[in-house]
N, C-alpha and C. Protein backbone atom coordinates (compact mmCIF):
# COMPACT_ATOMS: atom_id res chain seq x y z
N THR A 1 0.81 -1.25 0.29
CA THR A 1 -0.42 0.02 -0.22
C THR A 1 0.65 1.15 0.14
N ILE A 2 2.29 1.05 0.81
CA ILE A 2 3.05 2.55 0.69
C ILE A 2 3.47 2.64 -0.84
N TYR A 3 3.58 1.91 -1.76
CA TYR A 3 4.19 2.04 -3.04
C TYR A 3 2.86 2.57 -3.79
N LEU A 4 1.78 2.10 -3.38
CA LEU A 4 0.26 2.56 -4.20
C LEU A 4 0.58 4.15 -3.80
N PHE A 5 0.88 4.56 -2.55
CA PHE A 5 0.72 5.65 -2.40
C PHE A 5 1.62 6.61 -2.35
N ILE A 6 2.91 5.87 -3.33
CA ILE A 6 3.91 6.72 -3.35
C ILE A 6 3.65 7.14 -4.96
N LEU A 7 3.07 6.22 -5.51
CA LEU A 7 2.52 6.48 -7.05
C LEU A 7 1.56 7.47 -7.32
N TRP A 8 0.67 7.00 -6.38
CA TRP A 8 -0.73 8.58 -6.84
C TRP A 8 0.46 9.55 -5.98
N ASN A 9 0.74 9.92 -5.01
CA ASN A 9 1.97 11.17 -4.76
C ASN A 9 2.40 11.60 -5.80
N ALA A 10 3.05 11.04 -6.79
CA ALA A 10 3.86 11.04 -7.79
C ALA A 10 2.91 11.33 -8.60
N GLN A 11 1.42 10.97 -8.94
CA GLN A 11 0.92 11.04 -10.18
C GLN A 11 0.12 12.71 -9.39
N ILE A 12 0.05 13.14 -8.43
CA ILE A 12 -0.99 14.70 -8.24
C ILE A 12 0.21 15.75 -8.11
N LYS A 13 1.38 15.22 -8.04
CA LYS A 13 2.18 16.35 -8.10
C LYS A 13 2.69 16.28 -9.57
N SER A 14 2.60 15.53 -10.55
CA SER A 14 2.24 15.41 -11.76
C SER A 14 1.60 16.36 -12.47
N CYS A 15 0.07 16.23 -12.14
CA CYS A 15 -0.80 16.99 -12.40
C CYS A 15 -0.62 18.37 -11.66
N ILE A 16 0.18 18.66 -10.54
CA ILE A 16 0.09 20.04 -10.07
C ILE A 16 1.02 20.82 -11.13
N ALA A 17 2.13 20.22 -11.15
CA ALA A 17 3.07 20.59 -12.77
C ALA A 17 2.21 20.99 -13.73
N LYS A 18 1.76 20.07 -14.21
CA LYS A 18 0.62 20.50 -15.48
C LYS A 18 -0.20 21.88 -15.33
N ALA A 19 -0.97 21.73 -14.26
CA ALA A 19 -2.02 22.95 -13.94
C ALA A 19 -0.69 24.33 -13.77
N ASN A 20 -0.13 23.96 -13.14
CA ASN A 20 1.14 25.05 -13.11
C ASN A 20 1.93 25.82 -14.59
N LYS A 21 1.95 25.00 -14.86
CA LYS A 21 2.52 24.89 -16.78
C LYS A 21 1.22 25.90 -17.58
N MET A 22 0.14 25.48 -17.16
CA MET A 22 -0.98 26.01 -18.00
C MET A 22 -1.43 27.14 -17.56
N ILE A 23 -1.31 27.61 -16.10
CA ILE A 23 -1.56 28.86 -15.49
C ILE A 23 -0.38 29.98 -16.16
N SER A 24 0.63 29.42 -16.05
CA SER A 24 2.09 30.46 -16.44
C SER A 24 1.55 30.94 -18.06
N TRP A 25 1.38 29.90 -18.74
CA TRP A 25 1.22 29.87 -19.91
C TRP A 25 -0.18 30.96 -20.30
N ILE A 26 -1.20 30.95 -19.70
CA ILE A 26 -2.60 31.63 -19.56
C ILE A 26 -1.95 33.15 -18.79
N VAL A 27 -1.06 33.45 -18.21
CA VAL A 27 -0.79 34.55 -17.60
C VAL A 27 0.05 35.24 -18.41
N ARG A 28 0.83 34.39 -19.32
CA ARG A 28 1.52 35.15 -20.58
C ARG A 28 0.84 35.60 -21.85
N ASN A 29 -0.42 35.06 -22.14
CA ASN A 29 -1.24 35.05 -23.44
C ASN A 29 -2.35 35.50 -23.17
N LEU A 30 -3.04 35.44 -22.05
CA LEU A 30 -4.47 35.52 -22.04
C LEU A 30 -4.32 37.41 -21.13
N MET A 31 -4.56 38.45 -21.94
CA MET A 31 -5.14 39.90 -21.47
C MET A 31 -6.47 40.15 -20.83
N LEU A 32 -6.63 39.82 -20.99
CA LEU A 32 -8.40 39.83 -20.67
C LEU A 32 -8.69 38.42 -19.39
N ARG A 33 -8.61 39.31 -18.24
CA ARG A 33 -8.68 38.60 -17.14
C ARG A 33 -9.88 38.73 -16.06
N GLU A 34 -11.01 38.90 -16.86
CA GLU A 34 -12.20 39.47 -16.21
C GLU A 34 -12.96 38.02 -15.56
N LYS A 35 -13.79 38.01 -14.67
CA LYS A 35 -14.33 36.72 -13.89
C LYS A 35 -14.88 36.28 -14.82
N ASN A 36 -15.61 36.31 -15.85
CA ASN A 36 -16.26 35.03 -16.67
C ASN A 36 -15.27 34.36 -17.82
N VAL A 37 -14.63 35.38 -18.08
CA VAL A 37 -13.17 34.61 -19.02
C VAL A 37 -12.55 33.69 -18.01
N MET A 38 -12.22 34.59 -17.08
CA MET A 38 -11.00 33.42 -16.17
C MET A 38 -11.53 31.91 -15.95
N LEU A 39 -13.04 32.20 -15.42
CA LEU A 39 -13.47 30.74 -14.72
C LEU A 39 -13.85 29.98 -15.90
N SER A 40 -14.08 30.55 -17.33
CA SER A 40 -14.35 29.43 -18.39
C SER A 40 -12.67 28.96 -18.65
N VAL A 41 -12.02 29.78 -18.57
CA VAL A 41 -10.59 29.44 -18.91
C VAL A 41 -10.31 28.14 -17.87
N TYR A 42 -10.44 28.72 -16.62
CA TYR A 42 -9.92 27.68 -15.41
C TYR A 42 -11.02 26.14 -15.38
N LYS A 43 -12.01 26.35 -15.68
CA LYS A 43 -12.82 25.22 -16.10
C LYS A 43 -12.59 24.12 -17.21
N MET A 44 -11.92 24.89 -18.08
CA MET A 44 -11.52 24.07 -19.17
C MET A 44 -10.02 23.81 -19.42
N LEU A 45 -9.44 24.32 -18.62
CA LEU A 45 -7.45 24.38 -19.04
C LEU A 45 -6.94 24.12 -17.73
N ILE A 46 -7.50 24.27 -16.15
CA ILE A 46 -7.11 24.21 -15.53
C ILE A 46 -7.52 22.98 -14.31
N ARG A 47 -8.97 23.04 -14.30
CA ARG A 47 -9.28 21.96 -13.29
C ARG A 47 -9.59 20.71 -13.69
N PRO A 48 -9.17 20.47 -15.12
CA PRO A 48 -9.19 18.72 -15.31
C PRO A 48 -7.84 18.29 -15.00
N HIS A 49 -6.82 19.13 -15.01
CA HIS A 49 -5.55 18.60 -14.45
C HIS A 49 -5.33 18.33 -13.16
N LEU A 50 -6.34 19.49 -11.99
CA LEU A 50 -6.36 19.44 -10.83
C LEU A 50 -7.25 17.91 -10.57
N GLU A 51 -8.49 17.55 -10.99
CA GLU A 51 -9.12 16.91 -10.59
C GLU A 51 -9.31 15.47 -11.12
N TYR A 52 -8.27 15.28 -11.74
CA TYR A 52 -7.36 13.69 -12.56
C TYR A 52 -7.53 12.83 -11.50
N CYS A 53 -8.51 11.77 -11.87
CA CYS A 53 -9.20 10.94 -10.80
C CYS A 53 -8.98 11.12 -9.16
N VAL A 54 -9.70 12.21 -8.83
CA VAL A 54 -9.68 12.53 -7.63
C VAL A 54 -10.69 11.58 -6.76
N GLN A 55 -11.80 11.09 -7.32
CA GLN A 55 -12.42 10.00 -6.87
C GLN A 55 -11.92 8.90 -6.40
N LEU A 56 -10.52 8.69 -7.23
CA LEU A 56 -10.07 7.10 -6.99
C LEU A 56 -9.20 7.40 -6.15
N TRP A 57 -8.51 8.21 -6.31
CA TRP A 57 -7.11 8.66 -4.52
C TRP A 57 -7.90 9.22 -3.67
N ASN A 58 -9.04 9.85 -3.59
CA ASN A 58 -10.03 10.43 -2.76
C ASN A 58 -8.99 11.04 -1.77
N PRO A 59 -9.02 12.34 -1.55
CA PRO A 59 -8.03 13.20 -0.76
C PRO A 59 -8.70 13.35 0.83
N VAL A 60 -8.30 12.06 1.63
CA VAL A 60 -9.26 12.52 3.19
C VAL A 60 -8.07 12.48 3.95
N LEU A 61 -8.13 12.93 5.27
CA LEU A 61 -7.51 12.51 6.36
C LEU A 61 -6.88 11.25 6.74
N GLU A 62 -7.88 10.55 6.15
CA GLU A 62 -7.07 9.11 6.69
C GLU A 62 -6.42 8.73 5.65
N HIS A 63 -6.45 8.92 4.68
CA HIS A 63 -5.09 8.70 3.78
C HIS A 63 -3.80 9.52 3.75
N GLY A 64 -3.66 10.39 4.65
CA GLY A 64 -2.80 11.61 4.80
C GLY A 64 -2.46 12.09 3.74
N CYS A 65 -3.35 12.19 3.27
CA CYS A 65 -3.14 13.37 1.61
C CYS A 65 -2.84 14.54 1.94
N TRP A 66 -3.10 15.07 3.18
CA TRP A 66 -3.77 16.68 3.31
C TRP A 66 -2.38 17.80 2.78
N SER A 67 -1.19 17.06 2.70
CA SER A 67 -0.05 17.70 2.27
C SER A 67 -0.35 18.49 0.29
N LEU A 68 -1.03 16.91 0.29
CA LEU A 68 -1.32 16.94 -1.51
C LEU A 68 -2.73 17.91 -1.30
N ILE A 69 -3.68 18.04 -0.64
CA ILE A 69 -4.96 18.88 -0.99
C ILE A 69 -4.18 20.27 -0.46
N LEU A 70 -3.32 20.67 0.04
CA LEU A 70 -2.77 21.52 0.18
C LEU A 70 -2.05 22.35 -0.96
N LYS A 71 -1.60 21.36 -1.68
CA LYS A 71 -0.61 21.85 -2.99
C LYS A 71 -1.69 22.32 -3.83
N LEU A 72 -2.73 21.43 -4.22
CA LEU A 72 -3.72 21.66 -5.43
C LEU A 72 -4.89 23.26 -4.44
N GLU A 73 -4.88 23.12 -3.43
CA GLU A 73 -5.52 24.45 -3.18
C GLU A 73 -4.54 25.67 -3.23
N GLY A 74 -3.56 25.19 -3.18
CA GLY A 74 -2.42 26.41 -3.38
C GLY A 74 -2.27 26.94 -4.96
N VAL A 75 -2.49 26.24 -6.12
CA VAL A 75 -2.80 26.22 -7.00
C VAL A 75 -3.70 26.99 -7.65
N HIS A 76 -5.04 26.16 -6.91
CA HIS A 76 -6.14 27.06 -7.11
C HIS A 76 -6.29 28.31 -6.53
N THR A 77 -5.63 28.43 -5.22
CA THR A 77 -5.31 29.92 -4.78
C THR A 77 -4.74 30.77 -5.71
N TRP A 78 -3.55 30.60 -6.12
CA TRP A 78 -2.72 31.38 -7.22
C TRP A 78 -3.72 31.52 -8.31
N PHE A 79 -4.47 30.76 -9.05
CA PHE A 79 -5.25 31.09 -10.32
C PHE A 79 -6.30 32.15 -9.88
N THR A 80 -7.12 31.83 -8.89
CA THR A 80 -8.11 32.86 -8.44
C THR A 80 -7.65 34.22 -8.12
N CYS A 81 -6.51 34.34 -7.69
CA CYS A 81 -5.94 35.67 -7.19
C CYS A 81 -5.32 36.52 -8.55
N LEU A 82 -5.55 35.66 -9.64
CA LEU A 82 -5.08 36.49 -10.94
C LEU A 82 -6.59 37.02 -11.39
N ILE A 83 -7.76 36.84 -11.12
CA ILE A 83 -8.83 37.64 -11.79
C ILE A 83 -8.84 38.82 -11.30
N ASP A 84 -9.33 39.59 -12.06
CA ASP A 84 -9.23 40.93 -12.01
C ASP A 84 -10.41 41.28 -11.29
N GLU A 85 -10.47 42.36 -10.38
CA GLU A 85 -11.33 43.00 -9.71
C GLU A 85 -11.37 41.83 -8.24
N ILE A 86 -11.67 40.89 -8.39
CA ILE A 86 -11.79 40.29 -7.15
C ILE A 86 -10.54 39.38 -6.85
N GLY A 87 -9.53 39.18 -7.33
CA GLY A 87 -8.30 38.41 -6.92
C GLY A 87 -7.88 38.75 -5.73
N THR A 88 -8.13 40.28 -5.31
CA THR A 88 -7.65 40.31 -3.79
C THR A 88 -8.39 40.16 -2.76
N LEU A 89 -9.38 39.41 -2.70
CA LEU A 89 -10.24 38.97 -1.67
C LEU A 89 -9.94 37.72 -0.75
N PRO A 90 -10.30 37.59 0.42
CA PRO A 90 -9.96 36.49 0.65
C PRO A 90 -10.21 34.99 -0.09
N TYR A 91 -9.44 33.87 0.12
CA TYR A 91 -10.01 32.90 -0.44
C TYR A 91 -11.20 32.34 -0.33
N SER A 92 -12.00 32.28 0.77
CA SER A 92 -13.38 31.68 0.67
C SER A 92 -14.22 32.79 -0.06
N GLU A 93 -14.05 34.18 0.15
CA GLU A 93 -15.03 34.98 -1.03
C GLU A 93 -14.92 34.69 -2.26
N LEU A 94 -13.58 34.39 -2.79
CA LEU A 94 -13.47 33.93 -3.86
C LEU A 94 -13.95 32.76 -4.70
N LEU A 95 -14.22 31.99 -3.38
CA LEU A 95 -14.53 30.51 -3.99
C LEU A 95 -16.16 30.65 -3.99
N ASP A 96 -17.01 31.66 -3.24
CA ASP A 96 -18.27 31.57 -2.79
C ASP A 96 -18.47 32.37 -4.29
N ILE A 97 -17.83 33.59 -4.69
CA ILE A 97 -18.05 34.64 -5.99
C ILE A 97 -18.33 33.98 -7.15
N LEU A 98 -16.98 32.70 -6.95
CA LEU A 98 -16.87 31.82 -8.40
C LEU A 98 -18.10 30.47 -8.56
N ASN A 99 -18.39 30.54 -7.40
CA ASN A 99 -19.05 29.34 -7.21
C ASN A 99 -18.20 27.71 -7.50
N LEU A 100 -17.36 27.67 -7.04
CA LEU A 100 -16.26 26.46 -6.70
C LEU A 100 -16.04 26.08 -5.31
N THR A 101 -15.75 24.95 -5.28
CA THR A 101 -15.52 24.10 -3.72
C THR A 101 -14.08 23.87 -3.81
N THR A 102 -13.40 23.68 -2.54
CA THR A 102 -12.16 23.42 -2.16
C THR A 102 -11.71 22.20 -2.48
N PHE A 103 -10.90 21.41 -2.51
CA PHE A 103 -10.31 20.30 -3.10
C PHE A 103 -10.81 18.76 -1.59
N ALA A 104 -10.73 19.71 -0.67
CA ALA A 104 -11.39 18.79 0.59
C ALA A 104 -12.80 18.71 0.38
N GLU A 105 -13.31 19.23 -0.20
CA GLU A 105 -14.63 19.10 0.02
C GLU A 105 -15.43 18.00 -1.43
N ARG A 106 -14.74 18.09 -2.31
CA ARG A 106 -15.03 17.87 -3.49
C ARG A 106 -15.34 16.27 -3.30
N PRO A 107 -14.52 15.15 -2.96
CA PRO A 107 -14.51 14.20 -2.49
C PRO A 107 -16.06 13.91 -1.99
N PHE A 108 -16.39 14.43 -1.22
CA PHE A 108 -17.34 14.38 -0.14
C PHE A 108 -19.02 14.67 -0.77
N ARG A 109 -18.78 15.85 -1.98
CA ARG A 109 -19.79 16.50 -3.06
C ARG A 109 -20.27 14.63 -3.91
N VAL A 110 -19.08 14.55 -4.06
CA VAL A 110 -19.25 13.36 -4.95
C VAL A 110 -20.22 11.84 -4.73
N ILE A 111 -19.73 11.60 -3.34
CA ILE A 111 -20.23 10.92 -2.45
C ILE A 111 -21.83 11.04 -2.13
N LEU A 112 -21.99 12.48 -1.91
CA LEU A 112 -23.50 12.46 -1.78
C LEU A 112 -24.30 12.76 -3.26
């Protein structure tokens, strides 16, 4: 089981790296950073990398995955802070405005 955890850990780090590269590309090439545009870009280009197999590896406290969840949230936070007019708000308010959830909440939302 430890070997499987290491494999998932490497897989999630790879997904985070891909999402970070995509965000960097977006920052370099996208001039318009309005809420609706950035939310669409996030849902099409960033979120698929971050949510890849999230139901399978089920990032919950029992599995010791909090460090991975925090890394995923860091990418999420970085992207949401790039949005014009709302980027300076606290993270929880950003999530409410954009109607997004945290990565810790997502597996539970799927189960329900």
